[in-house]
């Protein structure tokens, strides 16, 4: 579900993964039509990093 949000509303993904400052920067980038593609790519990349970090933390037994 977050992947669909990352493509349609990139800035919103950053708020769902706990990065509000990056979400605001992404919103500024997304405001321009040309900036929408880089914003979506950035959101998908950040989401994949977030998922990887969660998997690593689960393997180590850390609670986040």
Protein backbone atom coordinates (compact mmCIF):
# COMPACT_ATOMS: atom_id res chain seq x y z
CA UNK A 1 0.00 0.00 0.00
CA UNK A 2 2.84 2.38 0.83
CA UNK A 3 4.38 1.72 -2.57
CA UNK A 4 1.24 2.98 -4.31
CA UNK A 5 1.25 6.05 -2.06
CA UNK A 6 4.95 6.59 -2.88
CA UNK A 7 4.12 6.81 -6.56
CA UNK A 8 0.90 8.84 -6.35
CA UNK A 9 1.63 11.08 -3.33
CA UNK A 10 5.38 10.83 -2.68
CA UNK A 11 5.53 13.34 0.17
CA UNK A 12 3.00 11.38 2.21
CA UNK A 13 5.27 8.33 2.47
CA UNK A 14 7.84 10.28 4.44
CA UNK A 15 5.23 11.18 7.03
CA UNK A 16 4.17 7.53 7.37
CA UNK A 17 7.74 6.34 7.95
CA UNK A 18 8.50 9.05 10.51
CA UNK A 19 10.52 11.53 8.44
CA UNK A 20 8.43 14.73 8.41
CA UNK A 21 11.25 17.10 7.41
CA UNK A 22 12.02 15.04 4.31
CA UNK A 23 8.29 14.94 3.64
CA UNK A 24 8.17 18.72 3.49
CA UNK A 25 11.18 18.83 1.17
CA UNK A 26 9.57 16.22 -1.03
CA UNK A 27 6.36 18.24 -1.13
CA UNK A 28 8.29 21.27 -2.34
CA UNK A 29 9.85 19.13 -5.07
CA UNK A 30 6.51 17.57 -5.94
CA UNK A 31 4.78 20.92 -6.43
CA UNK A 32 6.40 21.24 -9.83
CA UNK A 33 5.23 18.83 -12.48
CA UNK A 34 8.81 18.11 -13.54
CA UNK A 35 9.76 17.39 -9.92
CA UNK A 36 7.06 14.74 -9.51
CA UNK A 37 9.17 11.96 -11.07
CA UNK A 38 12.26 12.58 -8.90
CA UNK A 39 10.02 12.91 -5.83
CA UNK A 40 8.39 9.55 -6.57
CA UNK A 41 11.77 7.88 -7.12
CA UNK A 42 13.08 9.38 -3.88
CA UNK A 43 9.99 8.18 -1.97
CA UNK A 44 10.27 4.63 -3.35
CA UNK A 45 13.98 4.54 -2.46
CA UNK A 46 13.34 5.85 1.07
CA UNK A 47 10.57 3.29 1.52
CA UNK A 48 12.85 0.45 0.47
CA UNK A 49 15.53 1.66 2.90
CA UNK A 50 12.94 1.87 5.67
CA UNK A 51 11.82 -1.71 5.01
CA UNK A 52 15.43 -2.93 4.95
CA UNK A 53 16.17 -1.18 8.26
CA UNK A 54 13.11 -2.82 9.82
CA UNK A 55 14.24 -6.27 8.65
CA UNK A 56 17.75 -5.76 10.00
CA UNK A 57 16.39 -4.56 13.34
CA UNK A 58 14.10 -7.62 13.52
CA UNK A 59 17.03 -9.93 12.85
CA UNK A 60 19.05 -8.30 15.62
CA UNK A 61 16.10 -8.48 17.99
CA UNK A 62 15.86 -4.73 18.39
CA UNK A 63 12.52 -3.07 19.00
CA UNK A 64 11.74 0.08 17.05
